[in-house]
């Protein structure tokens, strides 16, 4: 089987999700061939692992925890034209690869290529249209979030099939294929906590901070750097392009493939509301303090779905952040107990691979 994946490059979450699915595809069909069309983070992530093609994609400007329409439009107003010409440019190479199926997240160029080649297309993403309707009834999202939701629904509708990764709720739908969380690994696949502490050269269990691969988490990192010394905790910060120096009990590490090792031995997790990190936090049964990006519809929905399982932070200013962290640390013992009650299978990668295989083989 031959699969062409279009993977957004805004952060690493979509890339790691796709990688987990690819691993399952290869387990089920060792003859599987993969071609990745990506840019920025996704291109960097997959280079050297699979054959890649560079494409143009979204640009997410700014370093604040807020998604704004004006800055997005000013940096991406040419995208519809770029998507079309990207598809034209890739048509020859994609035709040569001759995929059995094309899988994309919210990169419409993948669907355009599928139509050019008369191949089946699958949209694979974490935005849940049905959960959005529930959220909308309670929170009345603004026009920007409504536009994002409308766009993502449109991508789902343009594709031949849609696979939606759900965080907590197991759903059934006549329209969408829902799967459980997609993760890179499980606690039992790693060595013991004692051995990990020694391997990672740690004397005490840290609180992890995951910023993701985009710039949205820079303000969180900078605020945390200012207040970290007021806590008797070790903070290990992962990801983003933040130019922040480690000092005292604040340690900064760029994107690391050892994140799950640190996660296993951590006391808790502070993170943006990206679905992959939240899924791994749930599966590893870690207390979480979650800061969703303002007006980012998927992140707001992710935080909404976890409102009973995590502390939800809203303000990045140092004083507000200090209060949120204090509340979080105080709740860690009880949240750890609550997390233990979550018995999640999290076999979404296997479920997704089964769906892709079935669709690719279906005549």
Protein backbone atom coordinates (compact mmCIF):
# COMPACT_ATOMS: atom_id res chain seq x y z
CA UNK A 1 0.00 0.00 0.00
CA UNK A 2 1.17 3.52 -0.80
CA UNK A 3 0.06 6.49 1.31
CA UNK A 4 0.68 10.19 0.70
CA UNK A 5 0.38 12.29 3.87
CA UNK A 6 -0.01 16.07 3.94
CA UNK A 7 1.10 17.27 7.39
CA UNK A 8 0.85 20.82 8.69
CA UNK A 9 4.13 22.28 9.95
CA UNK A 10 2.90 24.79 12.54
CA UNK A 11 4.04 22.58 15.44
CA UNK A 12 5.14 19.01 16.04
CA UNK A 13 1.80 17.62 17.25
CA UNK A 14 0.40 16.73 13.84
CA UNK A 15 3.72 15.19 12.79
CA UNK A 16 3.97 12.95 15.85
CA UNK A 17 0.32 11.91 15.41
CA UNK A 18 0.95 10.91 11.79
CA UNK A 19 4.16 9.10 12.74
CA UNK A 20 2.27 6.96 15.25
CA UNK A 21 -0.27 6.07 12.54
CA UNK A 22 2.49 5.25 10.05
CA UNK A 23 4.13 2.90 12.55
CA UNK A 24 0.83 1.03 12.91
CA UNK A 25 0.32 0.90 9.13
CA UNK A 26 3.75 -0.66 8.69
CA UNK A 27 3.03 -3.20 11.44
CA UNK A 28 -0.16 -4.23 9.69
CA UNK A 29 1.26 -4.04 6.16
CA UNK A 30 5.08 -4.18 6.07
CA UNK A 31 5.00 -3.33 2.36
CA UNK A 32 3.53 0.11 3.08
CA UNK A 33 5.29 2.98 1.29
CA UNK A 34 4.96 6.53 2.63
CA UNK A 35 5.49 9.98 1.12
CA UNK A 36 5.25 13.05 3.38
CA UNK A 37 4.32 16.49 2.05
CA UNK A 38 5.19 19.00 4.78
CA UNK A 39 6.89 22.24 5.77
CA UNK A 40 8.63 23.84 8.74
CA UNK A 41 8.21 21.56 11.80
CA UNK A 42 6.66 18.62 9.94
CA UNK A 43 9.35 18.66 7.24
CA UNK A 44 12.08 18.89 9.88
CA UNK A 45 10.51 16.05 11.88
CA UNK A 46 10.13 13.58 8.99
CA UNK A 47 13.39 14.25 7.14
CA UNK A 48 15.57 11.17 7.37
CA UNK A 49 12.64 8.99 8.41
CA UNK A 50 10.57 8.89 5.22
CA UNK A 51 10.65 10.38 1.76
CA UNK A 52 9.51 14.01 1.94
CA UNK A 53 8.31 16.80 -0.33
CA UNK A 54 8.45 20.46 0.71
CA UNK A 55 5.20 22.42 0.40
CA UNK A 56 4.03 25.88 1.45
CA UNK A 57 1.59 26.12 4.32
CA UNK A 58 0.16 28.24 7.10
CA UNK A 59 2.17 30.90 8.87
CA UNK A 60 1.23 31.52 12.50
CA UNK A 61 2.69 34.92 13.51
CA UNK A 62 3.27 36.31 16.98
CA UNK A 63 4.42 34.97 20.30
CA UNK A 64 1.34 35.65 22.40
CA UNK A 65 -1.24 33.13 23.60
CA UNK A 66 -3.91 34.47 21.27
CA UNK A 67 -4.96 33.57 17.73
CA UNK A 68 -5.96 36.75 15.88
CA UNK A 69 -7.70 37.04 12.52
CA UNK A 70 -5.87 40.18 11.37
CA UNK A 71 -2.37 38.76 11.86
CA UNK A 72 -3.37 35.40 10.41
CA UNK A 73 -4.89 36.98 7.29
CA UNK A 74 -1.95 39.36 6.79
CA UNK A 75 0.44 36.41 6.82
CA UNK A 76 -1.71 33.93 4.88
CA UNK A 77 -3.89 35.90 2.46
CA UNK A 78 -2.22 34.22 -0.52
CA UNK A 79 -2.84 30.70 0.83
CA UNK A 80 -5.79 29.72 -1.44
CA UNK A 81 -3.67 30.51 -4.51
CA UNK A 82 -0.61 28.83 -2.93
CA UNK A 83 -2.63 25.67 -2.18
CA UNK A 84 -3.77 25.44 -5.80
CA UNK A 85 -0.32 25.97 -7.30
CA UNK A 86 1.23 23.68 -4.68
CA UNK A 87 -1.13 20.98 -5.88
CA UNK A 88 -0.23 21.69 -9.51
CA UNK A 89 3.49 21.59 -8.70
CA UNK A 90 3.19 18.32 -6.80
CA UNK A 91 0.81 16.66 -9.23
CA UNK A 92 3.60 15.11 -11.33
CA UNK A 93 5.58 13.80 -8.35
CA UNK A 94 2.45 12.56 -6.59
CA UNK A 95 1.32 10.82 -9.76
CA UNK A 96 4.71 9.13 -10.01
CA UNK A 97 4.41 7.94 -6.39
CA UNK A 98 0.90 6.70 -7.28
CA UNK A 99 -0.65 6.60 -3.79
CA UNK A 100 -3.56 4.31 -3.02
CA UNK A 101 -4.91 6.93 -0.64
CA UNK A 102 -4.10 10.51 0.46
CA UNK A 103 -4.35 11.57 4.10
CA UNK A 104 -4.29 15.22 5.19
CA UNK A 105 -4.90 17.22 8.36
CA UNK A 106 -6.22 20.72 7.63
CA UNK A 107 -4.06 21.23 4.53
CA UNK A 108 -6.58 21.46 1.64
CA UNK A 109 -3.83 20.96 -0.96
CA UNK A 110 -3.93 17.26 -0.08
CA UNK A 111 -7.58 17.05 -1.04
CA UNK A 112 -6.92 18.98 -4.27
CA UNK A 113 -4.16 16.52 -5.19
CA UNK A 114 -6.52 13.62 -4.48
CA UNK A 115 -9.09 15.08 -6.85
CA UNK A 116 -6.43 15.66 -9.53
CA UNK A 117 -5.30 12.03 -9.25
CA UNK A 118 -8.79 10.61 -8.70
CA UNK A 119 -7.67 9.05 -5.42
CA UNK A 120 -9.51 8.69 -2.12
CA UNK A 121 -8.84 11.42 0.42
CA UNK A 122 -9.02 11.24 4.21
CA UNK A 123 -9.05 14.20 6.60
CA UNK A 124 -7.35 13.28 9.90
CA UNK A 125 -7.56 15.88 12.66
CA UNK A 126 -8.63 16.57 16.24
CA UNK A 127 -11.35 19.19 15.73
CA UNK A 128 -14.68 17.66 16.77
CA UNK A 129 -17.67 19.31 15.01
CA UNK A 130 -20.20 17.61 17.29
CA UNK A 131 -18.38 18.69 20.46
CA UNK A 132 -18.24 22.21 18.99
CA UNK A 133 -22.04 22.33 18.84
CA UNK A 134 -22.21 21.43 22.55
CA UNK A 135 -19.55 24.01 23.38
CA UNK A 136 -21.31 26.66 21.28
CA UNK A 137 -24.56 26.21 23.19
CA UNK A 138 -22.79 26.95 26.48
CA UNK A 139 -20.06 29.45 25.61
CA UNK A 140 -21.19 31.37 22.51
CA UNK A 141 -17.86 31.45 20.63
CA UNK A 142 -16.91 34.67 18.85
CA UNK A 143 -16.94 35.18 15.09
CA UNK A 144 -13.30 34.16 14.70
CA UNK A 145 -13.81 30.78 16.36
CA UNK A 146 -17.01 30.30 14.34
CA UNK A 147 -15.04 30.97 11.13
CA UNK A 148 -12.33 28.48 12.15
CA UNK A 149 -14.98 25.85 12.88
CA UNK A 150 -16.67 26.50 9.55
CA UNK A 151 -13.34 26.15 7.70
CA UNK A 152 -12.45 22.87 9.44
CA UNK A 153 -15.91 21.45 8.77
CA UNK A 154 -15.43 22.43 5.14
CA UNK A 155 -12.15 20.48 4.98
CA UNK A 156 -13.92 17.44 6.46
CA UNK A 157 -16.73 17.79 3.91
CA UNK A 158 -14.30 18.16 0.99
CA UNK A 159 -12.54 14.91 1.90
CA UNK A 160 -14.04 11.56 0.99
CA UNK A 161 -13.72 10.37 4.59
CA UNK A 162 -12.96 12.00 7.94
CA UNK A 163 -11.19 10.54 10.98
CA UNK A 164 -11.55 12.58 14.17
CA UNK A 165 -9.35 11.95 17.18
CA UNK A 166 -11.37 12.28 20.39
CA UNK A 167 -9.73 13.05 23.75
CA UNK A 168 -12.17 11.74 26.36
CA UNK A 169 -15.56 10.89 24.99
CA UNK A 170 -16.02 7.77 22.93
CA UNK A 171 -18.36 8.82 20.15
CA UNK A 172 -20.30 7.18 17.37
CA UNK A 173 -21.43 9.05 14.30
CA UNK A 174 -23.01 8.35 10.94
CA UNK A 175 -20.90 11.12 9.39
CA UNK A 176 -17.45 10.92 10.98
CA UNK A 177 -15.09 8.13 12.05
CA UNK A 178 -14.12 8.75 15.69
CA UNK A 179 -11.01 7.15 17.13
CA UNK A 180 -9.44 7.18 20.59
CA UNK A 181 -6.37 9.31 21.44
CA UNK A 182 -3.27 8.78 19.31
CA UNK A 183 -0.04 8.57 21.32
CA UNK A 184 3.60 7.77 20.65
CA UNK A 185 4.16 5.31 23.47
CA UNK A 186 2.92 3.97 26.80
CA UNK A 187 4.45 4.03 30.29
CA UNK A 188 4.99 0.26 30.32
CA UNK A 189 7.16 0.51 27.21
CA UNK A 190 9.73 2.57 29.13
CA UNK A 191 12.16 1.44 31.80
CA UNK A 192 11.37 1.94 35.49
CA UNK A 193 11.13 5.41 37.02
CA UNK A 194 14.21 4.76 39.17
CA UNK A 195 16.28 3.88 36.10
CA UNK A 196 14.88 6.86 34.17
CA UNK A 197 15.80 9.25 36.99
CA UNK A 198 19.36 7.98 36.80
CA UNK A 199 19.46 8.05 32.98
CA UNK A 200 18.14 11.62 32.87
CA UNK A 201 20.45 12.69 35.70
CA UNK A 202 17.64 13.99 37.89
CA UNK A 203 17.62 14.09 41.68
CA UNK A 204 13.94 15.00 42.00
CA UNK A 205 10.81 14.60 39.93
CA UNK A 206 10.13 17.67 37.79
CA UNK A 207 7.03 19.49 36.63
CA UNK A 208 7.16 19.43 32.85
CA UNK A 209 6.14 22.37 30.67
CA UNK A 210 5.34 21.59 27.03
CA UNK A 211 5.22 24.64 24.74
CA UNK A 212 4.80 22.78 21.45
CA UNK A 213 6.63 23.63 18.25
CA UNK A 214 4.88 26.92 17.46
CA UNK A 215 5.66 30.37 18.88
CA UNK A 216 2.40 30.62 20.83
CA UNK A 217 4.00 29.24 23.99
CA UNK A 218 6.84 31.76 24.21
CA UNK A 219 4.87 34.08 26.52
CA UNK A 220 4.17 31.15 28.85
CA UNK A 221 7.87 30.27 29.00
CA UNK A 222 8.95 33.87 29.65
CA UNK A 223 6.38 34.36 32.41
CA UNK A 224 7.35 31.06 34.02
CA UNK A 225 11.03 32.02 33.94
CA UNK A 226 10.13 35.10 36.01
CA UNK A 227 8.19 33.26 38.74
CA UNK A 228 9.82 29.80 38.84
CA UNK A 229 12.25 30.74 41.62
CA UNK A 230 9.29 31.31 43.97
CA UNK A 231 8.44 27.60 43.92
CA UNK A 232 10.29 24.69 45.45
CA UNK A 233 9.90 22.69 42.24
CA UNK A 234 12.07 21.79 39.26
CA UNK A 235 10.50 23.05 36.01
CA UNK A 236 11.71 21.45 32.77
CA UNK A 237 10.45 23.33 29.71
CA UNK A 238 10.26 21.69 26.27
CA UNK A 239 9.74 23.04 22.79
CA UNK A 240 9.09 26.31 20.96
CA UNK A 241 11.69 28.63 19.51
CA UNK A 242 12.03 30.62 22.71
CA UNK A 243 15.47 32.07 23.34
CA UNK A 244 15.38 31.52 27.08
CA UNK A 245 18.29 30.53 29.26
CA UNK A 246 18.11 27.86 31.92
CA UNK A 247 18.68 29.09 35.44
CA UNK A 248 18.16 27.74 38.95
CA UNK A 249 15.09 25.49 39.02
CA UNK A 250 14.10 26.47 35.46
CA UNK A 251 15.58 24.26 32.72
CA UNK A 252 14.85 24.84 29.03
CA UNK A 253 15.20 22.05 26.45
CA UNK A 254 14.28 22.39 22.73
CA UNK A 255 12.08 19.73 21.15
CA UNK A 256 13.26 16.34 22.44
CA UNK A 257 12.35 12.82 21.45
CA UNK A 258 12.93 11.88 25.11
CA UNK A 259 9.84 13.79 26.24
CA UNK A 260 7.94 10.63 27.19
CA UNK A 261 10.80 9.56 29.46
CA UNK A 262 10.54 12.85 31.32
CA UNK A 263 6.76 12.56 31.34
CA UNK A 264 6.84 9.17 33.04
CA UNK A 265 8.86 10.43 36.01
CA UNK A 266 7.20 13.86 36.25
CA UNK A 267 4.96 15.12 39.07
CA UNK A 268 2.68 16.90 36.63
CA UNK A 269 2.42 18.64 33.28
CA UNK A 270 1.86 22.29 32.31
CA UNK A 271 0.97 22.57 28.64
CA UNK A 272 -0.87 24.35 25.88
CA UNK A 273 -4.03 22.57 24.76
CA UNK A 274 -2.55 20.67 21.84
CA UNK A 275 -4.28 17.33 21.56
CA UNK A 276 -1.26 15.03 21.38
CA UNK A 277 0.38 16.31 24.56
CA UNK A 278 -2.96 16.21 26.39
CA UNK A 279 -3.52 12.63 25.22
CA UNK A 280 -0.09 11.57 26.45
CA UNK A 281 -0.67 13.34 29.76
CA UNK A 282 -3.93 11.44 30.22
CA UNK A 283 -2.45 8.06 29.29
CA UNK A 284 0.54 8.62 31.59
CA UNK A 285 -2.01 9.64 34.27
CA UNK A 286 -0.38 13.00 35.00
CA UNK A 287 -2.07 15.99 36.69
CA UNK A 288 -2.25 18.83 34.16
CA UNK A 289 -2.42 22.62 34.12
CA UNK A 290 -3.68 23.54 30.65
CA UNK A 291 -3.45 26.92 28.89
CA UNK A 292 -5.50 26.90 25.66
CA UNK A 293 -4.59 29.46 23.01
CA UNK A 294 -7.26 32.16 23.03
CA UNK A 295 -9.69 32.04 20.08
CA UNK A 296 -8.05 28.86 18.75
CA UNK A 297 -11.11 26.67 18.30
CA UNK A 298 -9.46 23.24 18.57
CA UNK A 299 -7.46 24.20 21.68
CA UNK A 300 -10.52 25.72 23.32
CA UNK A 301 -12.49 22.52 22.64
CA UNK A 302 -9.66 20.38 24.01
CA UNK A 303 -9.61 22.39 27.24
CA UNK A 304 -13.40 22.23 27.43
CA UNK A 305 -13.37 18.44 27.13
CA UNK A 306 -10.84 18.22 30.00
CA UNK A 307 -12.51 20.69 32.36
CA UNK A 308 -13.26 17.89 34.85
CA UNK A 309 -9.76 16.39 34.69
CA UNK A 310 -7.34 19.35 34.63
CA UNK A 311 -6.79 22.86 35.96
CA UNK A 312 -7.53 25.29 33.11
CA UNK A 313 -5.39 28.45 33.09
CA UNK A 314 -6.30 31.60 31.21
CA UNK A 315 -3.85 34.40 31.96
CA UNK A 316 -0.13 34.38 31.13
CA UNK A 317 0.90 37.44 33.13
CA UNK A 318 3.43 36.50 35.84
CA UNK A 319 1.21 37.20 38.85
CA UNK A 320 -1.76 35.31 37.39
CA UNK A 321 0.50 32.47 36.29
CA UNK A 322 1.94 32.25 39.79
CA UNK A 323 -1.58 31.85 41.23
CA UNK A 324 -2.45 29.17 38.66
CA UNK A 325 0.73 27.21 39.40
CA UNK A 326 0.14 27.48 43.17
CA UNK A 327 -3.40 26.11 42.71
CA UNK A 328 -2.09 23.36 40.46
CA UNK A 329 0.66 22.25 42.86
CA UNK A 330 -1.82 22.16 45.74
CA UNK A 331 -4.16 19.94 43.71
CA UNK A 332 -1.52 17.54 42.36
CA UNK A 333 -2.13 14.82 45.01
CA UNK A 334 -5.88 14.66 44.39
CA UNK A 335 -5.51 15.12 40.63
CA UNK A 336 -3.08 12.22 40.52
CA UNK A 337 -5.76 10.10 42.16
CA UNK A 338 -8.36 11.33 39.67
CA UNK A 339 -6.02 10.61 36.78
CA UNK A 340 -5.54 7.07 38.04
CA UNK A 341 -9.26 6.49 37.55
CA UNK A 342 -8.94 7.22 33.84
CA UNK A 343 -8.39 3.83 32.25
CA UNK A 344 -7.85 4.79 28.63
CA UNK A 345 -7.02 2.36 25.86
CA UNK A 346 -5.67 5.18 23.65
CA UNK A 347 -5.36 2.86 20.67
CA UNK A 348 -6.32 5.55 18.17
CA UNK A 349 -3.24 4.97 16.02
CA UNK A 350 -4.25 1.33 15.49
CA UNK A 351 -7.88 2.27 14.85
CA UNK A 352 -6.81 4.94 12.34
CA UNK A 353 -4.47 2.54 10.54
CA UNK A 354 -7.30 -0.02 10.27
CA UNK A 355 -9.60 2.60 8.70
CA UNK A 356 -6.95 3.78 6.22
CA UNK A 357 -6.13 0.21 5.22
CA UNK A 358 -9.78 -0.65 4.74
CA UNK A 359 -10.44 2.45 2.65
CA UNK A 360 -7.29 1.98 0.54
CA UNK A 361 -8.22 -1.61 -0.29
CA UNK A 362 -11.88 -0.88 -0.93
CA UNK A 363 -12.73 -0.87 -4.60
